[in-house]
Amino acid sequence: MTAVSLGMPQVPVPSVAERRASRRIQVGSVAVGGGAPVSVQSMTTTRTSDIGATLQQIAELTASGCQIV
């Protein structure tokens, strides 16, 4: 059987351009830049009065790797 290319990129994807050096700064308790890990902010989409649904979304975010900071 012959492999068919699906046009997927090779892993790891080669860098398109060199990243420039940056300073690390603190935004509250979160480090940004200077080699700090990438931070992503997320939020729930439920009505806050719907406590069960809001807690469910928070649990799903936590299970996917989001951390509360």
PDB file of N, CA and C in Angstrom:
ATOM      1  N   MET A   1       0.846  -1.175   0.000  1.00  0.00           N
ATOM      2  CA  MET A   1       0.000   0.000   0.000  1.00  0.00           C
ATOM      3  C   MET A   1       0.891   1.238   0.000  1.00  0.00           C
ATOM      4  N   THR A   2       0.547   2.257  -0.765  1.00  0.00           N
ATOM      5  CA  THR A   2       1.327   3.484  -0.881  1.00  0.00           C
ATOM      6  C   THR A   2       0.755   4.554   0.033  1.00  0.00           C
ATOM      7  N   ALA A   3       1.636   5.275   0.743  1.00  0.00           N
ATOM      8  CA  ALA A   3       1.193   6.365   1.614  1.00  0.00           C
ATOM      9  C   ALA A   3       0.727   7.539   0.766  1.00  0.00           C
ATOM     10  N   VAL A   4      -0.342   8.172   1.209  1.00  0.00           N
ATOM     11  CA  VAL A   4      -0.892   9.333   0.517  1.00  0.00           C
ATOM     12  C   VAL A   4      -0.642  10.561   1.374  1.00  0.00           C
ATOM     13  N   SER A   5      -0.036  11.586   0.808  1.00  0.00           N
ATOM     14  CA  SER A   5       0.222  12.821   1.539  1.00  0.00           C
ATOM     15  C   SER A   5      -1.076  13.604   1.675  1.00  0.00           C
ATOM     16  N   LEU A   6      -1.397  13.982   2.901  1.00  0.00           N
ATOM     17  CA  LEU A   6      -2.609  14.769   3.149  1.00  0.00           C
ATOM     18  C   LEU A   6      -2.296  16.252   3.286  1.00  0.00           C
ATOM     19  N   GLY A   7      -1.057  16.621   2.985  1.00  0.00           N
ATOM     20  CA  GLY A   7      -0.688  18.031   3.074  1.00  0.00           C
ATOM     21  C   GLY A   7      -0.465  18.506   4.501  1.00  0.00           C
ATOM     22  N   MET A   8      -0.315  17.569   5.434  1.00  0.00           N
ATOM     23  CA  MET A   8      -0.096  17.947   6.825  1.00  0.00           C
ATOM     24  C   MET A   8       1.369  18.332   7.006  1.00  0.00           C
ATOM     25  N   PRO A   9       1.632  19.336   7.870  1.00  0.00           N
ATOM     26  CA  PRO A   9       3.020  19.749   8.089  1.00  0.00           C
ATOM     27  C   PRO A   9       3.802  18.681   8.836  1.00  0.00           C
ATOM     28  N   GLN A  10       5.104  18.659   8.619  1.00  0.00           N
ATOM     29  CA  GLN A  10       5.978  17.743   9.330  1.00  0.00           C
ATOM     30  C   GLN A  10       6.132  18.218  10.766  1.00  0.00           C
ATOM     31  N   VAL A  11       6.352  17.298  11.679  1.00  0.00           N
ATOM     32  CA  VAL A  11       6.540  17.667  13.079  1.00  0.00           C
ATOM     33  C   VAL A  11       8.005  17.501  13.403  1.00  0.00           C
ATOM     34  N   PRO A  12       8.684  18.433  13.997  1.00  0.00           N
ATOM     35  CA  PRO A  12       8.213  19.768  14.311  1.00  0.00           C
ATOM     36  C   PRO A  12       8.225  20.668  13.078  1.00  0.00           C
ATOM     37  N   VAL A  13       7.315  21.613  13.054  1.00  0.00           N
ATOM     38  CA  VAL A  13       7.220  22.555  11.935  1.00  0.00           C
ATOM     39  C   VAL A  13       8.443  23.467  11.979  1.00  0.00           C
ATOM     40  N   PRO A  14       9.150  23.605  10.857  1.00  0.00           N
ATOM     41  CA  PRO A  14      10.320  24.483  10.867  1.00  0.00           C
ATOM     42  C   PRO A  14       9.917  25.930  11.109  1.00  0.00           C
ATOM     43  N   SER A  15      10.762  26.630  11.808  1.00  0.00           N
ATOM     44  CA  SER A  15      10.520  28.031  12.130  1.00  0.00           C
ATOM     45  C   SER A  15      10.515  28.866  10.857  1.00  0.00           C
ATOM     46  N   VAL A  16       9.542  29.763  10.729  1.00  0.00           N
ATOM     47  CA  VAL A  16       9.468  30.643   9.560  1.00  0.00           C
ATOM     48  C   VAL A  16      10.496  31.757   9.696  1.00  0.00           C
ATOM     49  N   ALA A  17      10.614  32.315  10.886  1.00  0.00           N
ATOM     50  CA  ALA A  17      11.561  33.395  11.122  1.00  0.00           C
ATOM     51  C   ALA A  17      12.074  33.284  12.549  1.00  0.00           C
ATOM     52  N   GLU A  18      13.258  33.804  12.784  1.00  0.00           N
ATOM     53  CA  GLU A  18      13.798  33.800  14.137  1.00  0.00           C
ATOM     54  C   GLU A  18      13.012  34.763  14.988  1.00  0.00           C
ATOM     55  N   ARG A  19      12.729  34.344  16.213  1.00  0.00           N
ATOM     56  CA  ARG A  19      12.032  35.234  17.136  1.00  0.00           C
ATOM     57  C   ARG A  19      13.042  36.203  17.725  1.00  0.00           C
ATOM     58  N   ARG A  20      12.627  37.436  17.915  1.00  0.00           N
ATOM     59  CA  ARG A  20      13.545  38.411  18.492  1.00  0.00           C
ATOM     60  C   ARG A  20      13.535  38.283  20.006  1.00  0.00           C
ATOM     61  N   ALA A  21      14.631  38.662  20.621  1.00  0.00           N
ATOM     62  CA  ALA A  21      14.739  38.608  22.078  1.00  0.00           C
ATOM     63  C   ALA A  21      13.816  39.648  22.693  1.00  0.00           C
ATOM     64  N   SER A  22      13.221  39.299  23.831  1.00  0.00           N
ATOM     65  CA  SER A  22      12.339  40.244  24.515  1.00  0.00           C
ATOM     66  C   SER A  22      12.606  40.200  26.010  1.00  0.00           C
ATOM     67  N   ARG A  23      12.155  41.234  26.706  1.00  0.00           N
ATOM     68  CA  ARG A  23      12.306  41.287  28.160  1.00  0.00           C
ATOM     69  C   ARG A  23      11.141  40.569  28.807  1.00  0.00           C
ATOM     70  N   ARG A  24      11.401  39.946  29.936  1.00  0.00           N
ATOM     71  CA  ARG A  24      10.327  39.329  30.717  1.00  0.00           C
ATOM     72  C   ARG A  24       9.749  40.400  31.641  1.00  0.00           C
ATOM     73  N   ILE A  25       8.424  40.534  31.634  1.00  0.00           N
ATOM     74  CA  ILE A  25       7.749  41.446  32.544  1.00  0.00           C
ATOM     75  C   ILE A  25       6.689  40.658  33.314  1.00  0.00           C
ATOM     76  N   GLN A  26       6.244  41.216  34.405  1.00  0.00           N
ATOM     77  CA  GLN A  26       5.185  40.605  35.199  1.00  0.00           C
ATOM     78  C   GLN A  26       3.887  41.376  34.964  1.00  0.00           C
ATOM     79  N   VAL A  27       2.834  40.658  34.683  1.00  0.00           N
ATOM     80  CA  VAL A  27       1.490  41.235  34.592  1.00  0.00           C
ATOM     81  C   VAL A  27       0.720  40.572  35.732  1.00  0.00           C
ATOM     82  N   GLY A  28       0.655  41.267  36.850  1.00  0.00           N
ATOM     83  CA  GLY A  28       0.129  40.634  38.057  1.00  0.00           C
ATOM     84  C   GLY A  28       1.097  39.545  38.475  1.00  0.00           C
ATOM     85  N   SER A  29       0.605  38.315  38.577  1.00  0.00           N
ATOM     86  CA  SER A  29       1.473  37.194  38.956  1.00  0.00           C
ATOM     87  C   SER A  29       1.929  36.378  37.756  1.00  0.00           C
ATOM     88  N   VAL A  30       1.633  36.860  36.534  1.00  0.00           N
ATOM     89  CA  VAL A  30       1.930  36.106  35.318  1.00  0.00           C
ATOM     90  C   VAL A  30       3.127  36.725  34.592  1.00  0.00           C
ATOM     91  N   ALA A  31       4.149  35.902  34.315  1.00  0.00           N
ATOM     92  CA  ALA A  31       5.312  36.358  33.552  1.00  0.00           C
ATOM     93  C   ALA A  31       4.984  36.323  32.061  1.00  0.00           C
ATOM     94  N   VAL A  32       5.375  37.391  31.349  1.00  0.00           N
ATOM     95  CA  VAL A  32       5.129  37.494  29.908  1.00  0.00           C
ATOM     96  C   VAL A  32       6.434  37.874  29.227  1.00  0.00           C
ATOM     97  N   GLY A  33       6.776  37.193  28.118  1.00  0.00           N
ATOM     98  CA  GLY A  33       7.974  37.504  27.347  1.00  0.00           C
ATOM     99  C   GLY A  33       9.226  36.905  27.959  1.00  0.00           C
ATOM    100  N   GLY A  34      10.340  37.125  27.304  1.00  0.00           N
ATOM    101  CA  GLY A  34      11.630  36.685  27.811  1.00  0.00           C
ATOM    102  C   GLY A  34      11.740  35.194  28.056  1.00  0.00           C
ATOM    103  N   GLY A  35      11.097  34.384  27.233  1.00  0.00           N
ATOM    104  CA  GLY A  35      11.187  32.942  27.380  1.00  0.00           C
ATOM    105  C   GLY A  35      10.162  32.346  28.333  1.00  0.00           C
ATOM    106  N   ALA A  36       9.275  33.172  28.896  1.00  0.00           N
ATOM    107  CA  ALA A  36       8.228  32.655  29.782  1.00  0.00           C
ATOM    108  C   ALA A  36       7.253  31.816  28.963  1.00  0.00           C
ATOM    109  N   PRO A  37       6.627  30.820  29.590  1.00  0.00           N
ATOM    110  CA  PRO A  37       5.637  30.032  28.852  1.00  0.00           C
ATOM    111  C   PRO A  37       4.495  30.914  28.358  1.00  0.00           C
ATOM    112  N   VAL A  38       3.865  30.517  27.266  1.00  0.00           N
ATOM    113  CA  VAL A  38       2.747  31.279  26.717  1.00  0.00           C
ATOM    114  C   VAL A  38       1.565  31.171  27.667  1.00  0.00           C
ATOM    115  N   SER A  39       0.927  32.294  27.955  1.00  0.00           N
ATOM    116  CA  SER A  39      -0.252  32.317  28.825  1.00  0.00           C
ATOM    117  C   SER A  39      -1.483  32.577  27.979  1.00  0.00           C
ATOM    118  N   VAL A  40      -2.546  31.840  28.268  1.00  0.00           N
ATOM    119  CA  VAL A  40      -3.801  32.001  27.548  1.00  0.00           C
ATOM    120  C   VAL A  40      -4.893  32.248  28.575  1.00  0.00           C
ATOM    121  N   GLN A  41      -5.677  33.284  28.352  1.00  0.00           N
ATOM    122  CA  GLN A  41      -6.777  33.573  29.259  1.00  0.00           C
ATOM    123  C   GLN A  41      -8.047  32.969  28.680  1.00  0.00           C
ATOM    124  N   SER A  42      -8.841  32.357  29.535  1.00  0.00           N
ATOM    125  CA  SER A  42     -10.108  31.795  29.072  1.00  0.00           C
ATOM    126  C   SER A  42     -11.208  32.232  30.022  1.00  0.00           C
ATOM    127  N   MET A  43     -12.443  32.034  29.596  1.00  0.00           N
ATOM    128  CA  MET A  43     -13.576  32.427  30.419  1.00  0.00           C
ATOM    129  C   MET A  43     -14.757  31.516  30.140  1.00  0.00           C
ATOM    130  N   THR A  44     -15.715  31.530  31.034  1.00  0.00           N
ATOM    131  CA  THR A  44     -16.911  30.725  30.822  1.00  0.00           C
ATOM    132  C   THR A  44     -17.911  31.520  29.984  1.00  0.00           C
ATOM    133  N   THR A  45     -18.841  30.804  29.380  1.00  0.00           N
ATOM    134  CA  THR A  45     -19.843  31.457  28.531  1.00  0.00           C
ATOM    135  C   THR A  45     -21.252  31.298  29.088  1.00  0.00           C
ATOM    136  N   THR A  46     -21.351  30.753  30.294  1.00  0.00           N
ATOM    137  CA  THR A  46     -22.658  30.537  30.906  1.00  0.00           C
ATOM    138  C   THR A  46     -23.071  31.761  31.718  1.00  0.00           C
ATOM    139  N   ARG A  47     -24.347  31.825  32.044  1.00  0.00           N
ATOM    140  CA  ARG A  47     -24.799  32.856  32.980  1.00  0.00           C
ATOM    141  C   ARG A  47     -24.239  32.489  34.345  1.00  0.00           C
ATOM    142  N   THR A  48     -23.674  33.469  35.044  1.00  0.00           N
ATOM    143  CA  THR A  48     -23.084  33.165  36.350  1.00  0.00           C
ATOM    144  C   THR A  48     -24.146  32.739  37.359  1.00  0.00           C
ATOM    145  N   SER A  49     -25.395  33.058  37.094  1.00  0.00           N
ATOM    146  CA  SER A  49     -26.468  32.611  37.990  1.00  0.00           C
ATOM    147  C   SER A  49     -26.726  31.107  37.842  1.00  0.00           C
ATOM    148  N   ASP A  50     -26.279  30.516  36.719  1.00  0.00           N
ATOM    149  CA  ASP A  50     -26.408  29.071  36.518  1.00  0.00           C
ATOM    150  C   ASP A  50     -25.143  28.408  37.070  1.00  0.00           C
ATOM    151  N   ILE A  51     -25.130  28.238  38.379  1.00  0.00           N
ATOM    152  CA  ILE A  51     -23.927  27.787  39.076  1.00  0.00           C
ATOM    153  C   ILE A  51     -23.449  26.430  38.574  1.00  0.00           C
ATOM    154  N   GLY A  52     -24.363  25.496  38.372  1.00  0.00           N
ATOM    155  CA  GLY A  52     -23.982  24.154  37.927  1.00  0.00           C
ATOM    156  C   GLY A  52     -23.277  24.173  36.583  1.00  0.00           C
ATOM    157  N   ALA A  53     -23.842  24.912  35.613  1.00  0.00           N
ATOM    158  CA  ALA A  53     -23.244  24.972  34.274  1.00  0.00           C
ATOM    159  C   ALA A  53     -21.899  25.690  34.305  1.00  0.00           C
ATOM    160  N   THR A  54     -21.808  26.738  35.124  1.00  0.00           N
ATOM    161  CA  THR A  54     -20.549  27.480  35.226  1.00  0.00           C
ATOM    162  C   THR A  54     -19.462  26.595  35.839  1.00  0.00           C
ATOM    163  N   LEU A  55     -19.799  25.869  36.917  1.00  0.00           N
ATOM    164  CA  LEU A  55     -18.821  24.968  37.515  1.00  0.00           C
ATOM    165  C   LEU A  55     -18.431  23.855  36.555  1.00  0.00           C
ATOM    166  N   GLN A  56     -19.370  23.397  35.730  1.00  0.00           N
ATOM    167  CA  GLN A  56     -19.066  22.367  34.732  1.00  0.00           C
ATOM    168  C   GLN A  56     -18.043  22.888  33.727  1.00  0.00           C
ATOM    169  N   GLN A  57     -18.244  24.119  33.239  1.00  0.00           N
ATOM    170  CA  GLN A  57     -17.286  24.689  32.285  1.00  0.00           C
ATOM    171  C   GLN A  57     -15.916  24.882  32.928  1.00  0.00           C
ATOM    172  N   ILE A  58     -15.887  25.302  34.197  1.00  0.00           N
ATOM    173  CA  ILE A  58     -14.610  25.472  34.892  1.00  0.00           C
ATOM    174  C   ILE A  58     -13.908  24.125  35.010  1.00  0.00           C
ATOM    175  N   ALA A  59     -14.657  23.075  35.333  1.00  0.00           N
ATOM    176  CA  ALA A  59     -14.075  21.732  35.431  1.00  0.00           C
ATOM    177  C   ALA A  59     -13.526  21.281  34.084  1.00  0.00           C
ATOM    178  N   GLU A  60     -14.243  21.578  32.993  1.00  0.00           N
ATOM    179  CA  GLU A  60     -13.769  21.200  31.653  1.00  0.00           C
ATOM    180  C   GLU A  60     -12.496  21.966  31.294  1.00  0.00           C
ATOM    181  N   LEU A  61     -12.430  23.258  31.626  1.00  0.00           N
ATOM    182  CA  LEU A  61     -11.222  24.037  31.365  1.00  0.00           C
ATOM    183  C   LEU A  61     -10.043  23.471  32.156  1.00  0.00           C
ATOM    184  N   THR A  62     -10.290  23.123  33.418  1.00  0.00           N
ATOM    185  CA  THR A  62      -9.230  22.555  34.263  1.00  0.00           C
ATOM    186  C   THR A  62      -8.755  21.222  33.690  1.00  0.00           C
ATOM    187  N   ALA A  63      -9.697  20.390  33.263  1.00  0.00           N
ATOM    188  CA  ALA A  63      -9.343  19.081  32.692  1.00  0.00           C
ATOM    189  C   ALA A  63      -8.534  19.223  31.406  1.00  0.00           C
ATOM    190  N   SER A  64      -8.746  20.325  30.667  1.00  0.00           N
ATOM    191  CA  SER A  64      -7.998  20.518  29.418  1.00  0.00           C
ATOM    192  C   SER A  64      -6.624  21.142  29.658  1.00  0.00           C
ATOM    193  N   GLY A  65      -6.313  21.449  30.918  1.00  0.00           N
ATOM    194  CA  GLY A  65      -4.969  21.950  31.221  1.00  0.00           C
ATOM    195  C   GLY A  65      -4.904  23.391  31.667  1.00  0.00           C
ATOM    196  N   CYS A  66      -6.020  24.098  31.694  1.00  0.00           N
ATOM    197  CA  CYS A  66      -6.017  25.490  32.171  1.00  0.00           C
ATOM    198  C   CYS A  66      -5.748  25.499  33.669  1.00  0.00           C
ATOM    199  N   GLN A  67      -4.973  26.473  34.101  1.00  0.00           N
ATOM    200  CA  GLN A  67      -4.667  26.612  35.516  1.00  0.00           C
ATOM    201  C   GLN A  67      -5.243  27.922  36.017  1.00  0.00           C
ATOM    202  N   ILE A  68      -5.721  27.914  37.236  1.00  0.00           N
ATOM    203  CA  ILE A  68      -6.221  29.135  37.852  1.00  0.00           C
ATOM    204  C   ILE A  68      -5.040  29.870  38.461  1.00  0.00           C
ATOM    205  N   VAL A  69      -4.862  31.122  38.050  1.00  0.00           N
ATOM    206  CA  VAL A  69      -3.742  31.920  38.554  1.00  0.00           C
ATOM    207  C   VAL A  69      -4.289  33.098  39.319  1.00  0.00           C
TER     208      VAL A  69
END
